[in-house]
Protein backbone atom coordinates (compact mmCIF):
# COMPACT_ATOMS: atom_id res chain seq x y z
CA MET A 1 114.93 122.96 57.00
CA ARG A 2 113.09 124.25 60.05
CA ILE A 3 114.56 123.30 63.44
CA ILE A 4 112.46 123.67 66.60
CA GLN A 5 114.38 125.57 69.27
CA LYS A 6 113.25 124.04 72.57
CA LYS A 7 113.17 126.42 75.49
CA SER A 8 111.75 124.10 78.16
CA TYR A 9 111.24 120.42 78.89
CA ASP A 10 107.48 120.97 78.69
CA GLN A 11 107.76 121.18 74.90
CA ASP A 12 108.58 117.47 74.79
CA ILE A 13 105.18 116.56 76.23
CA ARG A 14 102.98 119.19 74.61
CA ILE A 15 100.45 118.17 72.00
CA PHE A 16 102.13 120.64 69.62
CA PRO A 17 105.79 121.65 70.22
CA ASP A 18 105.17 125.28 69.23
CA ALA A 19 102.67 127.61 67.58
CA VAL A 20 104.07 126.98 64.09
CA GLU A 21 103.28 123.25 64.34
CA ALA A 22 99.76 124.00 65.61
CA ALA A 23 98.98 126.67 62.98
CA PRO A 24 97.97 124.33 60.10
CA TYR A 25 95.47 122.53 62.32
CA LEU A 26 93.96 125.80 63.54
CA VAL A 27 93.67 127.07 59.96
CA LEU A 28 91.97 123.83 58.88
CA LEU A 29 89.55 124.05 61.81
CA ALA A 30 88.73 127.65 60.90
CA LEU A 31 88.12 126.72 57.26
CA LEU A 32 85.82 123.87 58.27
CA ALA A 33 83.93 126.20 60.60
CA MET A 34 83.39 128.66 57.74
CA ALA A 35 82.53 125.96 55.18
CA PRO A 36 78.72 126.40 55.57
CA LEU A 37 79.09 129.94 54.24
CA ALA A 38 80.34 128.65 50.88
CA LEU A 39 78.75 125.20 50.48
CA SER A 40 75.25 124.16 49.52
CA VAL A 41 73.20 121.78 51.67
CA PHE A 42 74.21 118.77 49.53
CA TYR A 43 77.95 119.36 49.90
CA LEU A 44 77.50 120.22 53.58
CA LYS A 45 75.97 116.77 54.12
CA GLU A 46 78.80 115.17 52.16
CA LEU A 47 81.36 117.00 54.31
CA ALA A 48 79.56 115.82 57.45
CA PHE A 49 79.87 112.26 56.14
CA VAL A 50 83.61 112.80 55.62
CA LEU A 51 83.89 113.97 59.24
CA ILE A 52 82.13 110.81 60.42
CA LEU A 53 84.53 108.71 58.34
CA SER A 54 87.47 110.60 59.86
CA ILE A 55 86.25 109.68 63.37
CA ALA A 56 86.03 106.03 62.33
CA GLY A 57 89.47 106.40 60.71
CA VAL A 58 90.97 107.65 63.97
CA GLY A 59 89.60 104.57 65.74
CA LEU A 60 91.04 102.14 63.20
CA MET A 61 94.30 104.12 62.92
CA LEU A 62 94.94 103.74 66.65
CA LEU A 63 94.45 99.99 66.39
CA THR A 64 96.18 99.28 63.08
CA GLY A 65 98.60 102.15 62.60
CA TYR A 66 99.83 102.58 66.17
CA ALA A 67 99.17 99.25 67.91
CA GLY A 68 99.92 97.15 64.81
CA MET A 69 96.71 95.07 64.99
CA VAL A 70 94.98 94.69 61.63
CA SER A 71 91.17 94.55 61.81
CA LEU A 72 88.75 93.54 59.07
CA GLY A 73 85.69 93.86 61.29
CA HIS A 74 85.40 97.54 62.12
CA GLY A 75 82.46 98.01 59.77
CA ALA A 76 80.42 95.70 62.00
CA ILE A 77 81.63 97.51 65.14
CA ILE A 78 80.38 100.78 63.65
CA GLY A 79 77.07 98.99 63.06
CA LEU A 80 77.03 97.88 66.69
CA GLY A 81 77.39 101.50 67.78
CA ALA A 82 74.61 102.58 65.43
CA TYR A 83 72.20 99.93 66.68
CA LEU A 84 72.99 100.53 70.36
CA HIS A 85 72.50 104.29 70.00
CA THR A 86 69.22 103.83 68.12
CA TYR A 87 68.01 101.33 70.72
CA PHE A 88 68.81 103.65 73.63
CA LEU A 89 67.10 106.59 71.92
CA GLY A 90 64.05 104.39 71.33
CA LYS A 91 63.94 103.64 75.06
CA GLY A 92 63.65 107.34 75.83
CA LEU A 93 67.24 108.25 76.68
CA SER A 94 68.40 111.71 75.69
CA PHE A 95 71.09 112.20 73.05
CA PHE A 96 73.69 113.37 75.58
CA LEU A 97 73.04 110.34 77.79
CA SER A 98 72.73 107.78 75.01
CA LEU A 99 75.96 108.76 73.26
CA PRO A 100 78.44 108.10 76.13
CA ILE A 101 76.59 104.90 77.06
CA THR A 102 76.84 103.78 73.43
CA ILE A 103 80.58 104.47 73.33
CA LEU A 104 81.22 102.51 76.54
CA ALA A 105 78.86 99.68 75.60
CA THR A 106 80.38 99.31 72.13
CA ALA A 107 83.88 99.20 73.57
CA ALA A 108 82.86 96.64 76.21
CA VAL A 109 80.86 94.34 73.90
CA ALA A 110 83.39 94.42 71.05
CA THR A 111 86.31 93.77 73.39
CA LEU A 112 84.46 90.94 75.12
CA ILE A 113 83.72 89.26 71.79
CA ALA A 114 87.25 89.83 70.47
CA ALA A 115 89.10 88.88 73.68
CA PRO A 116 90.02 85.33 72.52
CA ALA A 117 91.18 86.66 69.12
CA LEU A 118 93.53 89.21 70.69
CA ARG A 119 95.90 86.36 71.51
CA LEU A 120 96.61 86.15 67.78
CA ALA A 121 98.70 88.44 65.60
CA GLY A 122 99.19 89.38 61.97
CA MET A 123 97.16 87.56 59.35
CA TYR A 124 95.52 85.30 61.93
CA LEU A 125 94.19 88.28 63.88
CA ALA A 126 92.80 89.80 60.67
CA ILE A 127 90.97 86.57 59.87
CA ALA A 128 89.63 86.39 63.43
CA THR A 129 88.27 89.96 63.26
CA LEU A 130 86.62 89.07 59.93
CA ALA A 131 84.91 86.15 61.67
CA ILE A 132 83.75 88.52 64.42
CA ALA A 133 82.32 90.86 61.78
CA LEU A 134 80.38 88.00 60.19
CA LEU A 135 79.09 87.01 63.63
CA LEU A 136 77.83 90.53 64.28
CA GLU A 137 76.19 90.67 60.84
CA ILE A 138 74.26 87.48 61.67
CA LEU A 139 73.27 89.06 64.98
CA PHE A 140 72.02 92.21 63.23
CA THR A 141 69.97 90.12 60.81
CA ASN A 142 68.35 87.68 63.24
CA TRP A 143 67.91 89.56 66.53
CA GLU A 144 64.74 91.33 65.43
CA ALA A 145 63.77 92.56 68.90
CA PHE A 146 66.98 94.61 69.03
CA THR A 147 67.77 95.44 65.40
CA GLY A 148 64.49 95.06 63.53
CA GLY A 149 65.99 92.25 61.45
CA ILE A 150 66.38 92.61 57.70
CA GLN A 151 63.65 95.26 57.69
CA GLY A 152 65.90 97.61 59.64
CA MET A 153 64.77 100.39 61.95
CA ALA A 154 64.30 104.14 61.81
CA VAL A 155 66.45 106.39 63.98
CA PRO A 156 64.35 108.49 66.40
CA PRO A 157 64.56 112.26 65.84
CA VAL A 158 66.58 114.31 68.33
CA GLN A 159 65.67 117.81 69.53
CA PHE A 160 67.84 120.25 71.49
CA GLY A 161 65.03 122.48 72.68
CA SER A 162 63.88 124.14 69.47
CA ILE A 163 66.95 122.93 67.53
CA ASP A 164 66.59 119.84 65.36
CA LEU A 165 69.64 117.58 64.96
CA LEU A 166 68.45 116.66 61.47
CA ASP A 167 69.02 120.24 60.37
CA PRO A 168 72.06 119.97 58.03
CA LEU A 169 73.84 122.95 59.60
CA VAL A 170 73.34 121.73 63.17
CA PHE A 171 74.37 118.17 62.30
CA TYR A 172 77.48 119.40 60.49
CA PHE A 173 78.73 121.34 63.49
CA VAL A 174 77.97 118.40 65.80
CA CYS A 175 80.09 116.15 63.57
CA LEU A 176 82.82 118.78 63.39
CA ALA A 177 82.93 119.09 67.19
CA PHE A 178 83.17 115.32 67.72
CA ALA A 179 85.79 114.95 64.97
CA ALA A 180 87.95 117.66 66.57
CA LEU A 181 87.58 116.04 70.00
CA SER A 182 88.45 112.62 68.57
CA PHE A 183 91.65 113.88 66.94
CA LEU A 184 92.64 115.88 70.00
CA GLY A 185 91.94 112.96 72.34
CA ALA A 186 93.88 110.52 70.15
CA LYS A 187 96.89 112.84 69.88
CA ASN A 188 96.85 113.40 73.62
CA LEU A 189 96.64 109.64 74.22
CA LEU A 190 99.54 108.87 71.89
CA ARG A 191 101.97 111.20 73.66
CA GLY A 192 101.51 109.37 76.97
CA ARG A 193 102.50 106.00 78.36
CA THR A 194 99.65 104.19 76.64
CA GLY A 195 100.51 105.49 73.18
CA ARG A 196 104.19 104.67 73.58
CA ALA A 197 103.29 101.15 74.75
CA TRP A 198 101.10 100.65 71.66
CA MET A 199 103.93 101.71 69.36
CA ALA A 200 106.36 99.41 71.15
CA LEU A 201 103.84 96.60 70.76
CA ARG A 202 103.54 97.40 67.05
CA ASP A 203 107.28 97.32 66.41
CA SER A 204 108.08 94.17 68.39
CA GLU A 205 105.82 92.38 70.82
CA VAL A 206 108.74 90.34 72.20
CA ALA A 207 110.83 93.45 72.80
CA ALA A 208 107.87 95.22 74.42
CA ARG A 209 107.28 92.28 76.75
CA SER A 210 110.97 92.19 77.70
CA MET A 211 110.72 95.86 78.70
CA GLY A 212 107.97 95.06 81.19
CA ILE A 213 104.96 96.10 79.07
CA ASN A 214 101.84 94.04 79.75
CA THR A 215 101.13 93.25 76.09
CA SER A 216 97.80 91.52 76.74
CA LEU A 217 96.49 94.49 78.72
CA TYR A 218 97.57 97.04 76.10
CA LYS A 219 96.11 94.94 73.28
CA MET A 220 92.77 94.98 75.09
CA THR A 221 93.12 98.71 75.75
CA ALA A 222 93.87 99.42 72.09
CA PHE A 223 90.91 97.39 70.86
CA ALA A 224 88.53 98.90 73.44
CA THR A 225 89.61 102.47 72.59
CA SER A 226 89.31 101.80 68.87
CA ALA A 227 85.89 100.18 69.28
CA GLY A 228 84.63 103.05 71.45
CA ILE A 229 85.61 105.68 68.86
CA SER A 230 84.06 103.52 66.13
CA GLY A 231 80.89 103.32 68.20
CA LEU A 232 80.78 107.13 68.26
CA ALA A 233 81.13 107.15 64.46
CA GLY A 234 78.34 104.59 64.21
CA ALA A 235 76.00 106.68 66.36
CA LEU A 236 76.58 109.75 64.16
CA LEU A 237 76.24 107.65 61.01
CA ALA A 238 72.84 106.46 62.23
CA HIS A 239 71.64 110.07 62.40
CA TYR A 240 73.21 110.80 59.01
CA THR A 241 71.30 108.01 57.25
CA GLY A 242 68.13 108.23 59.37
CA PHE A 243 67.52 104.51 58.84
CA ILE A 244 69.79 101.55 59.60
CA SER A 245 69.74 97.96 58.37
CA PRO A 246 72.23 95.04 58.33
CA ASP A 247 73.17 95.82 54.71
CA SER A 248 74.59 99.17 55.79
CA PHE A 249 77.38 97.56 57.85
CA ASN A 250 78.67 94.77 55.66
CA PHE A 251 82.20 93.67 54.84
CA LEU A 252 82.52 96.38 52.20
CA LEU A 253 82.42 99.06 54.91
CA SER A 254 85.33 97.36 56.69
CA ILE A 255 87.27 97.35 53.42
CA LYS A 256 86.56 101.07 52.96
CA LEU A 257 87.92 101.79 56.42
CA LEU A 258 91.04 99.75 55.70
CA ILE A 259 91.51 101.67 52.44
CA LEU A 260 91.05 104.90 54.42
CA VAL A 261 93.94 104.01 56.72
CA VAL A 262 96.28 102.74 54.00
CA VAL A 263 95.57 105.53 51.50
CA GLY A 264 95.85 108.25 54.14
CA GLY A 265 99.05 106.89 55.65
CA VAL A 266 99.39 104.11 58.22
CA GLY A 267 100.56 105.37 61.61
CA THR A 268 99.63 109.04 61.11
CA LEU A 269 96.60 110.86 62.51
CA PRO A 270 96.51 113.38 59.62
CA GLY A 271 96.38 110.35 57.36
CA ALA A 272 93.01 109.43 58.88
CA ALA A 273 91.57 112.79 57.77
CA ILE A 274 93.13 112.58 54.30
CA GLY A 275 91.94 109.01 53.86
CA ALA A 276 88.42 109.99 54.99
CA LEU A 277 88.31 112.70 52.34
CA PHE A 278 89.43 110.20 49.72
CA VAL A 279 86.98 107.46 50.73
CA GLY A 280 84.15 110.01 51.05
CA SER A 281 84.67 110.97 47.41
CA LEU A 282 84.89 107.33 46.22
CA PRO A 283 81.19 107.08 45.20
CA GLN A 284 81.67 109.97 42.77
CA LEU A 285 84.98 108.52 41.57
CA THR A 286 83.32 105.14 41.06
CA ALA A 287 80.55 106.72 38.98
CA LEU A 288 83.17 108.40 36.79
CA ALA A 289 85.24 105.22 36.54
CA ARG A 290 82.26 103.21 35.25
CA ASP A 291 82.22 105.37 32.12
CA LEU A 292 85.83 104.43 31.37
CA PHE A 293 85.24 100.66 31.31
CA PRO A 294 83.27 98.45 28.91
CA GLY A 295 79.66 97.86 29.87
CA SER A 296 80.24 94.19 30.68
CA ILE A 297 82.74 95.24 33.39
CA ALA A 298 81.13 98.47 34.60
CA GLU A 299 77.78 96.74 35.22
CA LEU A 300 79.25 94.04 37.46
CA PRO A 301 77.67 94.09 40.96
CA SER A 302 81.16 93.75 42.45
CA PHE A 303 82.65 96.59 40.38
CA GLU A 304 83.00 98.88 43.40
CA THR A 305 84.74 96.15 45.43
CA ILE A 306 87.15 95.47 42.55
CA LEU A 307 87.93 99.18 42.30
CA PHE A 308 88.60 99.36 46.05
CA GLY A 309 90.96 96.39 45.82
CA ALA A 310 92.83 97.90 42.87
CA ILE A 311 93.29 101.20 44.74
CA LEU A 312 94.54 99.39 47.83
CA ILE A 313 97.06 97.34 45.82
CA GLY A 314 98.23 100.42 43.93
CA ILE A 315 98.87 102.42 47.10
CA VAL A 316 100.74 99.53 48.74
CA LEU A 317 102.98 99.09 45.66
CA TRP A 318 103.68 102.69 44.69
CA GLU A 319 103.22 104.76 47.84
CA PRO A 320 103.23 102.55 50.96
CA ARG A 321 103.41 105.64 53.19
CA GLY A 322 100.07 106.88 51.86
CA LEU A 323 99.04 110.33 50.69
CA TYR A 324 100.28 111.96 53.88
CA GLY A 325 103.64 110.28 53.35
CA ARG A 326 103.74 111.70 49.82
CA TRP A 327 102.98 115.16 51.21
CA LYS A 328 105.86 114.83 53.69
CA LYS A 329 108.21 113.89 50.84
CA ILE A 330 107.13 116.93 48.82
CA LYS A 331 107.51 119.17 51.86
CA TYR A 332 110.97 117.80 52.60
CA PHE A 333 111.98 118.26 48.95
CA PHE A 334 111.31 122.01 49.13
CA GLU A 335 112.87 122.32 52.58
CA VAL A 336 116.27 120.98 51.48
CA PHE A 337 116.25 121.99 47.78
CA PRO A 338 118.63 121.91 45.93
CA THR A 339 120.46 119.37 48.13
CA TYR A 340 117.66 116.78 47.98
CA ARG A 341 118.77 113.25 47.15
CA ARG A 342 116.54 110.79 45.34
CA ALA A 343 117.49 107.93 47.68
CA THR A 344 116.41 109.80 50.83
CA PHE A 345 113.24 107.75 51.29
CA THR A 346 114.46 104.50 49.75
CA ARG A 347 113.15 101.59 51.77
CA GLN A 348 115.94 99.46 53.19
CA LYS A 349 115.70 95.74 53.79
CA THR A 350 114.87 94.95 57.41
CA PHE A 351 115.22 91.71 59.31
CA MET A 352 113.26 92.46 62.48
CA LYS A 353 110.05 94.33 63.20
CA SER A 354 111.94 96.54 65.64
CA GLU A 355 114.21 97.72 62.78
CA ARG A 356 111.35 99.34 60.87
CA VAL A 357 111.62 103.06 60.28
CA ARG A 358 108.26 104.82 60.70
């Protein structure tokens, strides 16, 4: 087992305690930077989509995994970011001006709409966010002056001088840069006062309030931060598809994001990246799964939704810590072998939220 030898108090507040902890992330970043040398245009676009999903996963992970607030409406929030960005571009704003305005506007609008619901918790909050998502879907469908209605709207092209954002290589590196900044910003946020307050709020709202934490303020902060990052993902997704319509941001997208968080590992930033890779490959997995079922089942319009639900239930039952949690178990097994004990990760019965081991 590796033990970090701390040589200064600064190591307690660094993003990475030492170079060994930072090495895997640097290697992954280098591999992603070199990916265009080995991948075709099709797979490069698919990888860009995975990066966009990872940005959205970071946003939902901060809200659900770290602040303990379950949301079923983040698909609509991503749609809000896509529509706002497209609208601003259509009004003549540049990409570098439209993007920050979109992030701030998405955070402000989503938080304003959700402010009454943030008084709720647990299942009731999830139902309230679902209602907010349905409200935004109605808005996307009927506000034709802003969204184009059911006919949708094309995303204006973006040029950086002689460089076209629609070029697959350029777009891939733009997505990679924003994904890296999102992960770095989230990790930096979580090591500070705000991140610790969110985790205290997640474990026990009563205990957090008794310690002097303004729970209402930090709930609003968590939702605004999550919505802003989701708005960034929506803006990039608009450029990825080139055309947006209300059907692109339905309830199924919210379910995909929830699966992303649960499958990757709730309460872990690496889990957002792992879950994004899994969800990004779901269309291909769904196509393969259709061949394994009878035609009467495989041809059902809701087959993909049923498959998503089955995966979500399976992960919750057999690996509640997600794929990243499974990786940590495997890593720990080899670290302590042959003294590993099967009951090391056995879940114990808890009686209070504050007794949870994360």
